Amino acid sequence: MGAITFYELPGCPFCAKVRDKLEALDLEFETIEVPGPHSERTEVEEVSGQTGVPVITDADNDVHGMAESDDIVAYLEETYGEA
């Protein structure tokens, strides 16, 4: 299992954008599907302080609860992309 954990909601276009980048970079990651209702998203809220998705954590780089798809994609590209 990789050091990256990806919290997503199936069908979410912002989550799909992050998943596409993770797969394009051929990264190993664990996926946690969050429930639809925000009130039931306690796990992602504990990690990130909010209930929206996508959210990633990256244990190798001490990243905890990064949100916002554009920020996540930029981080992944900068950290794991081709030099």
PDB file of N, CA and C in Angstrom:
ATOM      1  N   MET A   1       0.838  -1.172   0.000  1.00  0.00           N
ATOM      2  CA  MET A   1       0.000   0.000   0.000  1.00  0.00           C
ATOM      3  C   MET A   1       0.887   1.241   0.000  1.00  0.00           C
ATOM      4  N   GLY A   2       0.454   2.251  -0.720  1.00  0.00           N
ATOM      5  CA  GLY A   2       1.213   3.483  -0.784  1.00  0.00           C
ATOM      6  C   GLY A   2       0.994   4.350   0.439  1.00  0.00           C
ATOM      7  N   ALA A   3       1.752   5.398   0.501  1.00  0.00           N
ATOM      8  CA  ALA A   3       1.654   6.312   1.626  1.00  0.00           C
ATOM      9  C   ALA A   3       0.502   7.298   1.460  1.00  0.00           C
ATOM     10  N   ILE A   4      -0.071   7.361   0.246  1.00  0.00           N
ATOM     11  CA  ILE A   4      -1.133   8.315  -0.048  1.00  0.00           C
ATOM     12  C   ILE A   4      -2.488   7.674   0.230  1.00  0.00           C
ATOM     13  N   THR A   5      -3.317   8.405   0.942  1.00  0.00           N
ATOM     14  CA  THR A   5      -4.708   8.012   1.145  1.00  0.00           C
ATOM     15  C   THR A   5      -5.570   9.066   0.467  1.00  0.00           C
ATOM     16  N   PHE A   6      -6.527   8.605  -0.326  1.00  0.00           N
ATOM     17  CA  PHE A   6      -7.378   9.463  -1.141  1.00  0.00           C
ATOM     18  C   PHE A   6      -8.827   9.278  -0.701  1.00  0.00           C
ATOM     19  N   TYR A   7      -9.422  10.340  -0.208  1.00  0.00           N
ATOM     20  CA  TYR A   7     -10.827  10.330   0.202  1.00  0.00           C
ATOM     21  C   TYR A   7     -11.644  10.884  -0.953  1.00  0.00           C
ATOM     22  N   GLU A   8     -12.627  10.080  -1.398  1.00  0.00           N
ATOM     23  CA  GLU A   8     -13.404  10.504  -2.554  1.00  0.00           C
ATOM     24  C   GLU A   8     -14.861  10.089  -2.425  1.00  0.00           C
ATOM     25  N   LEU A   9     -15.673  10.710  -3.256  1.00  0.00           N
ATOM     26  CA  LEU A   9     -17.077  10.369  -3.401  1.00  0.00           C
ATOM     27  C   LEU A   9     -17.272   9.943  -4.850  1.00  0.00           C
ATOM     28  N   PRO A  10     -17.699   8.704  -5.097  1.00  0.00           N
ATOM     29  CA  PRO A  10     -17.905   8.256  -6.478  1.00  0.00           C
ATOM     30  C   PRO A  10     -18.849   9.206  -7.228  1.00  0.00           C
ATOM     31  N   GLY A  11     -18.473   9.524  -8.456  1.00  0.00           N
ATOM     32  CA  GLY A  11     -19.272  10.430  -9.270  1.00  0.00           C
ATOM     33  C   GLY A  11     -18.906  11.888  -9.124  1.00  0.00           C
ATOM     34  N   CYS A  12     -18.033  12.208  -8.192  1.00  0.00           N
ATOM     35  CA  CYS A  12     -17.601  13.597  -7.975  1.00  0.00           C
ATOM     36  C   CYS A  12     -16.563  13.968  -9.033  1.00  0.00           C
ATOM     37  N   PRO A  13     -16.832  14.995  -9.846  1.00  0.00           N
ATOM     38  CA  PRO A  13     -15.870  15.354 -10.897  1.00  0.00           C
ATOM     39  C   PRO A  13     -14.542  15.871 -10.365  1.00  0.00           C
ATOM     40  N   PHE A  14     -14.557  16.506  -9.217  1.00  0.00           N
ATOM     41  CA  PHE A  14     -13.315  16.996  -8.621  1.00  0.00           C
ATOM     42  C   PHE A  14     -12.459  15.830  -8.126  1.00  0.00           C
ATOM     43  N   CYS A  15     -13.135  14.810  -7.590  1.00  0.00           N
ATOM     44  CA  CYS A  15     -12.435  13.596  -7.165  1.00  0.00           C
ATOM     45  C   CYS A  15     -11.850  12.865  -8.371  1.00  0.00           C
ATOM     46  N   ALA A  16     -12.601  12.824  -9.465  1.00  0.00           N
ATOM     47  CA  ALA A  16     -12.127  12.164 -10.682  1.00  0.00           C
ATOM     48  C   ALA A  16     -10.858  12.836 -11.199  1.00  0.00           C
ATOM     49  N   LYS A  17     -10.789  14.142 -11.099  1.00  0.00           N
ATOM     50  CA  LYS A  17      -9.604  14.893 -11.527  1.00  0.00           C
ATOM     51  C   LYS A  17      -8.372  14.457 -10.727  1.00  0.00           C
ATOM     52  N   VAL A  18      -8.541  14.304  -9.419  1.00  0.00           N
ATOM     53  CA  VAL A  18      -7.430  13.870  -8.569  1.00  0.00           C
ATOM     54  C   VAL A  18      -7.076  12.413  -8.859  1.00  0.00           C
ATOM     55  N   ARG A  19      -8.074  11.557  -8.983  1.00  0.00           N
ATOM     56  CA  ARG A  19      -7.828  10.140  -9.296  1.00  0.00           C
ATOM     57  C   ARG A  19      -7.064  10.017 -10.620  1.00  0.00           C
ATOM     58  N   ASP A  20      -7.470  10.784 -11.620  1.00  0.00           N
ATOM     59  CA  ASP A  20      -6.781  10.744 -12.920  1.00  0.00           C
ATOM     60  C   ASP A  20      -5.305  11.100 -12.768  1.00  0.00           C
ATOM     61  N   LYS A  21      -4.999  12.103 -11.944  1.00  0.00           N
ATOM     62  CA  LYS A  21      -3.598  12.509 -11.741  1.00  0.00           C
ATOM     63  C   LYS A  21      -2.826  11.436 -10.982  1.00  0.00           C
ATOM     64  N   LEU A  22      -3.434  10.864  -9.945  1.00  0.00           N
ATOM     65  CA  LEU A  22      -2.783   9.780  -9.205  1.00  0.00           C
ATOM     66  C   LEU A  22      -2.453   8.617 -10.144  1.00  0.00           C
ATOM     67  N   GLU A  23      -3.394   8.257 -10.995  1.00  0.00           N
ATOM     68  CA  GLU A  23      -3.182   7.148 -11.922  1.00  0.00           C
ATOM     69  C   GLU A  23      -2.181   7.511 -13.019  1.00  0.00           C
ATOM     70  N   ALA A  24      -2.238   8.745 -13.521  1.00  0.00           N
ATOM     71  CA  ALA A  24      -1.303   9.176 -14.563  1.00  0.00           C
ATOM     72  C   ALA A  24       0.138   9.147 -14.058  1.00  0.00           C
ATOM     73  N   LEU A  25       0.322   9.444 -12.778  1.00  0.00           N
ATOM     74  CA  LEU A  25       1.650   9.422 -12.178  1.00  0.00           C
ATOM     75  C   LEU A  25       2.029   8.024 -11.684  1.00  0.00           C
ATOM     76  N   ASP A  26       1.135   7.070 -11.874  1.00  0.00           N
ATOM     77  CA  ASP A  26       1.352   5.669 -11.503  1.00  0.00           C
ATOM     78  C   ASP A  26       1.700   5.532 -10.017  1.00  0.00           C
ATOM     79  N   LEU A  27       0.954   6.260  -9.197  1.00  0.00           N
ATOM     80  CA  LEU A  27       1.189   6.232  -7.757  1.00  0.00           C
ATOM     81  C   LEU A  27       0.310   5.181  -7.089  1.00  0.00           C
ATOM     82  N   GLU A  28       0.851   4.546  -6.072  1.00  0.00           N
ATOM     83  CA  GLU A  28       0.051   3.643  -5.249  1.00  0.00           C
ATOM     84  C   GLU A  28      -0.681   4.491  -4.224  1.00  0.00           C
ATOM     85  N   PHE A  29      -1.960   4.181  -4.032  1.00  0.00           N
ATOM     86  CA  PHE A  29      -2.739   4.928  -3.055  1.00  0.00           C
ATOM     87  C   PHE A  29      -3.893   4.082  -2.559  1.00  0.00           C
ATOM     88  N   GLU A  30      -4.307   4.385  -1.344  1.00  0.00           N
ATOM     89  CA  GLU A  30      -5.479   3.756  -0.757  1.00  0.00           C
ATOM     90  C   GLU A  30      -6.663   4.693  -0.972  1.00  0.00           C
ATOM     91  N   THR A  31      -7.792   4.136  -1.370  1.00  0.00           N
ATOM     92  CA  THR A  31      -8.993   4.934  -1.571  1.00  0.00           C
ATOM     93  C   THR A  31      -9.974   4.682  -0.440  1.00  0.00           C
ATOM     94  N   ILE A  32     -10.510   5.759   0.090  1.00  0.00           N
ATOM     95  CA  ILE A  32     -11.590   5.667   1.069  1.00  0.00           C
ATOM     96  C   ILE A  32     -12.775   6.433   0.488  1.00  0.00           C
ATOM     97  N   GLU A  33     -13.851   5.701   0.222  1.00  0.00           N
ATOM     98  CA  GLU A  33     -15.062   6.323  -0.294  1.00  0.00           C
ATOM     99  C   GLU A  33     -15.862   6.872   0.878  1.00  0.00           C
ATOM    100  N   VAL A  34     -16.179   8.150   0.811  1.00  0.00           N
ATOM    101  CA  VAL A  34     -16.936   8.793   1.884  1.00  0.00           C
ATOM    102  C   VAL A  34     -18.426   8.668   1.596  1.00  0.00           C
ATOM    103  N   PRO A  35     -19.258   8.712   2.622  1.00  0.00           N
ATOM    104  CA  PRO A  35     -20.703   8.674   2.423  1.00  0.00           C
ATOM    105  C   PRO A  35     -21.199   9.944   1.729  1.00  0.00           C
ATOM    106  N   GLY A  36     -22.346   9.848   1.108  1.00  0.00           N
ATOM    107  CA  GLY A  36     -22.935  11.003   0.433  1.00  0.00           C
ATOM    108  C   GLY A  36     -23.261  12.155   1.365  1.00  0.00           C
ATOM    109  N   PRO A  37     -23.996  11.905   2.448  1.00  0.00           N
ATOM    110  CA  PRO A  37     -24.355  13.009   3.342  1.00  0.00           C
ATOM    111  C   PRO A  37     -23.132  13.557   4.095  1.00  0.00           C
ATOM    112  N   HIS A  38     -22.979  14.862   4.057  1.00  0.00           N
ATOM    113  CA  HIS A  38     -21.848  15.486   4.751  1.00  0.00           C
ATOM    114  C   HIS A  38     -21.840  15.151   6.239  1.00  0.00           C
ATOM    115  N   SER A  39     -23.016  15.004   6.828  1.00  0.00           N
ATOM    116  CA  SER A  39     -23.108  14.729   8.265  1.00  0.00           C
ATOM    117  C   SER A  39     -22.517  13.369   8.641  1.00  0.00           C
ATOM    118  N   GLU A  40     -22.334  12.493   7.647  1.00  0.00           N
ATOM    119  CA  GLU A  40     -21.788  11.159   7.911  1.00  0.00           C
ATOM    120  C   GLU A  40     -20.302  11.042   7.554  1.00  0.00           C
ATOM    121  N   ARG A  41     -19.686  12.123   7.161  1.00  0.00           N
ATOM    122  CA  ARG A  41     -18.286  12.092   6.721  1.00  0.00           C
ATOM    123  C   ARG A  41     -17.329  12.390   7.861  1.00  0.00           C
ATOM    124  N   THR A  42     -17.479  11.685   8.951  1.00  0.00           N
ATOM    125  CA  THR A  42     -16.681  11.957  10.145  1.00  0.00           C
ATOM    126  C   THR A  42     -15.205  11.648   9.929  1.00  0.00           C
ATOM    127  N   GLU A  43     -14.892  10.611   9.179  1.00  0.00           N
ATOM    128  CA  GLU A  43     -13.483  10.236   8.996  1.00  0.00           C
ATOM    129  C   GLU A  43     -12.718  11.311   8.247  1.00  0.00           C
ATOM    130  N   VAL A  44     -13.274  11.801   7.146  1.00  0.00           N
ATOM    131  CA  VAL A  44     -12.576  12.839   6.382  1.00  0.00           C
ATOM    132  C   VAL A  44     -12.544  14.152   7.171  1.00  0.00           C
ATOM    133  N   GLU A  45     -13.560  14.408   7.977  1.00  0.00           N
ATOM    134  CA  GLU A  45     -13.560  15.614   8.802  1.00  0.00           C
ATOM    135  C   GLU A  45     -12.453  15.562   9.854  1.00  0.00           C
ATOM    136  N   GLU A  46     -12.221  14.376  10.427  1.00  0.00           N
ATOM    137  CA  GLU A  46     -11.141  14.224  11.403  1.00  0.00           C
ATOM    138  C   GLU A  46      -9.776  14.476  10.767  1.00  0.00           C
ATOM    139  N   VAL A  47      -9.628  14.085   9.515  1.00  0.00           N
ATOM    140  CA  VAL A  47      -8.353  14.226   8.807  1.00  0.00           C
ATOM    141  C   VAL A  47      -8.118  15.656   8.339  1.00  0.00           C
ATOM    142  N   SER A  48      -9.184  16.297   7.817  1.00  0.00           N
ATOM    143  CA  SER A  48      -8.997  17.579   7.139  1.00  0.00           C
ATOM    144  C   SER A  48      -9.666  18.775   7.802  1.00  0.00           C
ATOM    145  N   GLY A  49     -10.544  18.516   8.767  1.00  0.00           N
ATOM    146  CA  GLY A  49     -11.250  19.622   9.405  1.00  0.00           C
ATOM    147  C   GLY A  49     -12.469  20.085   8.637  1.00  0.00           C
ATOM    148  N   GLN A  50     -12.795  19.410   7.547  1.00  0.00           N
ATOM    149  CA  GLN A  50     -13.977  19.762   6.758  1.00  0.00           C
ATOM    150  C   GLN A  50     -14.543  18.482   6.139  1.00  0.00           C
ATOM    151  N   THR A  51     -15.731  18.580   5.550  1.00  0.00           N
ATOM    152  CA  THR A  51     -16.391  17.370   5.048  1.00  0.00           C
ATOM    153  C   THR A  51     -16.394  17.265   3.536  1.00  0.00           C
ATOM    154  N   GLY A  52     -15.832  18.235   2.858  1.00  0.00           N
ATOM    155  CA  GLY A  52     -15.775  18.184   1.396  1.00  0.00           C
ATOM    156  C   GLY A  52     -14.691  17.233   0.913  1.00  0.00           C
ATOM    157  N   VAL A  53     -14.853  16.755  -0.302  1.00  0.00           N
ATOM    158  CA  VAL A  53     -13.858  15.916  -0.954  1.00  0.00           C
ATOM    159  C   VAL A  53     -13.594  16.488  -2.337  1.00  0.00           C
ATOM    160  N   PRO A  54     -12.460  16.199  -2.906  1.00  0.00           N
ATOM    161  CA  PRO A  54     -11.427  15.258  -2.520  1.00  0.00           C
ATOM    162  C   PRO A  54     -10.508  15.785  -1.414  1.00  0.00           C
ATOM    163  N   VAL A  55      -9.903  14.821  -0.739  1.00  0.00           N
ATOM    164  CA  VAL A  55      -8.893  15.095   0.289  1.00  0.00           C
ATOM    165  C   VAL A  55      -7.840  14.007   0.156  1.00  0.00           C
ATOM    166  N   ILE A  56      -6.568  14.385   0.333  1.00  0.00           N
ATOM    167  CA  ILE A  56      -5.508  13.376   0.393  1.00  0.00           C
ATOM    168  C   ILE A  56      -4.677  13.575   1.649  1.00  0.00           C
ATOM    169  N   THR A  57      -4.049  12.483   2.045  1.00  0.00           N
ATOM    170  CA  THR A  57      -2.962  12.524   3.010  1.00  0.00           C
ATOM    171  C   THR A  57      -1.778  11.844   2.340  1.00  0.00           C
ATOM    172  N   ASP A  58      -0.581  12.240   2.709  1.00  0.00           N
ATOM    173  CA  ASP A  58       0.630  11.644   2.152  1.00  0.00           C
ATOM    174  C   ASP A  58       1.633  11.500   3.293  1.00  0.00           C
ATOM    175  N   ALA A  59       1.662  10.310   3.875  1.00  0.00           N
ATOM    176  CA  ALA A  59       2.497  10.061   5.054  1.00  0.00           C
ATOM    177  C   ALA A  59       3.976  10.276   4.770  1.00  0.00           C
ATOM    178  N   ASP A  60       4.424   9.988   3.545  1.00  0.00           N
ATOM    179  CA  ASP A  60       5.841  10.142   3.214  1.00  0.00           C
ATOM    180  C   ASP A  60       6.290  11.603   3.240  1.00  0.00           C
ATOM    181  N   ASN A  61       5.360  12.522   3.041  1.00  0.00           N
ATOM    182  CA  ASN A  61       5.705  13.940   2.972  1.00  0.00           C
ATOM    183  C   ASN A  61       5.005  14.776   4.035  1.00  0.00           C
ATOM    184  N   ASP A  62       4.482  14.113   5.069  1.00  0.00           N
ATOM    185  CA  ASP A  62       3.857  14.788   6.198  1.00  0.00           C
ATOM    186  C   ASP A  62       2.714  15.709   5.768  1.00  0.00           C
ATOM    187  N   VAL A  63       1.909  15.242   4.820  1.00  0.00           N
ATOM    188  CA  VAL A  63       0.737  15.987   4.348  1.00  0.00           C
ATOM    189  C   VAL A  63      -0.489  15.347   4.983  1.00  0.00           C
ATOM    190  N   HIS A  64      -1.258  16.160   5.690  1.00  0.00           N
ATOM    191  CA  HIS A  64      -2.446  15.657   6.390  1.00  0.00           C
ATOM    192  C   HIS A  64      -3.658  16.484   6.000  1.00  0.00           C
ATOM    193  N   GLY A  65      -4.576  15.882   5.277  1.00  0.00           N
ATOM    194  CA  GLY A  65      -5.845  16.534   4.996  1.00  0.00           C
ATOM    195  C   GLY A  65      -5.798  17.635   3.957  1.00  0.00           C
ATOM    196  N   MET A  66      -5.026  17.455   2.889  1.00  0.00           N
ATOM    197  CA  MET A  66      -4.999  18.449   1.814  1.00  0.00           C
ATOM    198  C   MET A  66      -6.300  18.355   1.016  1.00  0.00           C
ATOM    199  N   ALA A  67      -6.974  19.479   0.848  1.00  0.00           N
ATOM    200  CA  ALA A  67      -8.232  19.542   0.113  1.00  0.00           C
ATOM    201  C   ALA A  67      -8.060  20.390  -1.151  1.00  0.00           C
ATOM    202  N   GLU A  68      -9.136  20.543  -1.898  1.00  0.00           N
ATOM    203  CA  GLU A  68      -9.184  21.322  -3.142  1.00  0.00           C
ATOM    204  C   GLU A  68      -8.443  20.605  -4.266  1.00  0.00           C
ATOM    205  N   SER A  69      -9.190  20.181  -5.254  1.00  0.00           N
ATOM    206  CA  SER A  69      -8.633  19.363  -6.329  1.00  0.00           C
ATOM    207  C   SER A  69      -7.464  20.034  -7.045  1.00  0.00           C
ATOM    208  N   ASP A  70      -7.561  21.331  -7.335  1.00  0.00           N
ATOM    209  CA  ASP A  70      -6.456  22.006  -8.034  1.00  0.00           C
ATOM    210  C   ASP A  70      -5.185  22.002  -7.193  1.00  0.00           C
ATOM    211  N   ASP A  71      -5.321  22.221  -5.893  1.00  0.00           N
ATOM    212  CA  ASP A  71      -4.159  22.199  -5.000  1.00  0.00           C
ATOM    213  C   ASP A  71      -3.549  20.802  -4.926  1.00  0.00           C
ATOM    214  N   ILE A  72      -4.411  19.786  -4.861  1.00  0.00           N
ATOM    215  CA  ILE A  72      -3.923  18.405  -4.788  1.00  0.00           C
ATOM    216  C   ILE A  72      -3.192  18.029  -6.062  1.00  0.00           C
ATOM    217  N   VAL A  73      -3.775  18.346  -7.221  1.00  0.00           N
ATOM    218  CA  VAL A  73      -3.145  18.013  -8.500  1.00  0.00           C
ATOM    219  C   VAL A  73      -1.795  18.720  -8.628  1.00  0.00           C
ATOM    220  N   ALA A  74      -1.737  19.991  -8.252  1.00  0.00           N
ATOM    221  CA  ALA A  74      -0.473  20.731  -8.313  1.00  0.00           C
ATOM    222  C   ALA A  74       0.567  20.103  -7.377  1.00  0.00           C
ATOM    223  N   TYR A  75       0.152  19.731  -6.176  1.00  0.00           N
ATOM    224  CA  TYR A  75       1.052  19.081  -5.220  1.00  0.00           C
ATOM    225  C   TYR A  75       1.581  17.767  -5.787  1.00  0.00           C
ATOM    226  N   LEU A  76       0.690  16.945  -6.326  1.00  0.00           N
ATOM    227  CA  LEU A  76       1.110  15.650  -6.869  1.00  0.00           C
ATOM    228  C   LEU A  76       2.083  15.826  -8.028  1.00  0.00           C
ATOM    229  N   GLU A  77       1.803  16.761  -8.899  1.00  0.00           N
ATOM    230  CA  GLU A  77       2.683  17.014 -10.035  1.00  0.00           C
ATOM    231  C   GLU A  77       4.050  17.501  -9.564  1.00  0.00           C
ATOM    232  N   GLU A  78       4.044  18.427  -8.617  1.00  0.00           N
ATOM    233  CA  GLU A  78       5.301  18.990  -8.103  1.00  0.00           C
ATOM    234  C   GLU A  78       6.119  17.939  -7.352  1.00  0.00           C
ATOM    235  N   THR A  79       5.433  17.102  -6.581  1.00  0.00           N
ATOM    236  CA  THR A  79       6.116  16.131  -5.730  1.00  0.00           C
ATOM    237  C   THR A  79       6.500  14.853  -6.461  1.00  0.00           C
ATOM    238  N   TYR A  80       5.633  14.379  -7.350  1.00  0.00           N
ATOM    239  CA  TYR A  80       5.831  13.077  -7.969  1.00  0.00           C
ATOM    240  C   TYR A  80       5.955  13.105  -9.484  1.00  0.00           C
ATOM    241  N   GLY A  81       5.774  14.275 -10.104  1.00  0.00           N
ATOM    242  CA  GLY A  81       5.819  14.380 -11.553  1.00  0.00           C
ATOM    243  C   GLY A  81       7.240  14.239 -12.092  1.00  0.00           C
ATOM    244  N   GLU A  82       7.299  14.107 -13.394  1.00  0.00           N
ATOM    245  CA  GLU A  82       8.598  14.002 -14.069  1.00  0.00           C
ATOM    246  C   GLU A  82       9.358  15.319 -13.933  1.00  0.00           C
ATOM    247  N   ALA A  83      10.619  15.223 -13.691  1.00  0.00           N
ATOM    248  CA  ALA A  83      11.448  16.433 -13.553  1.00  0.00           C
ATOM    249  C   ALA A  83      11.765  17.025 -14.904  1.00  0.00           C
TER     250      ALA A  83
END
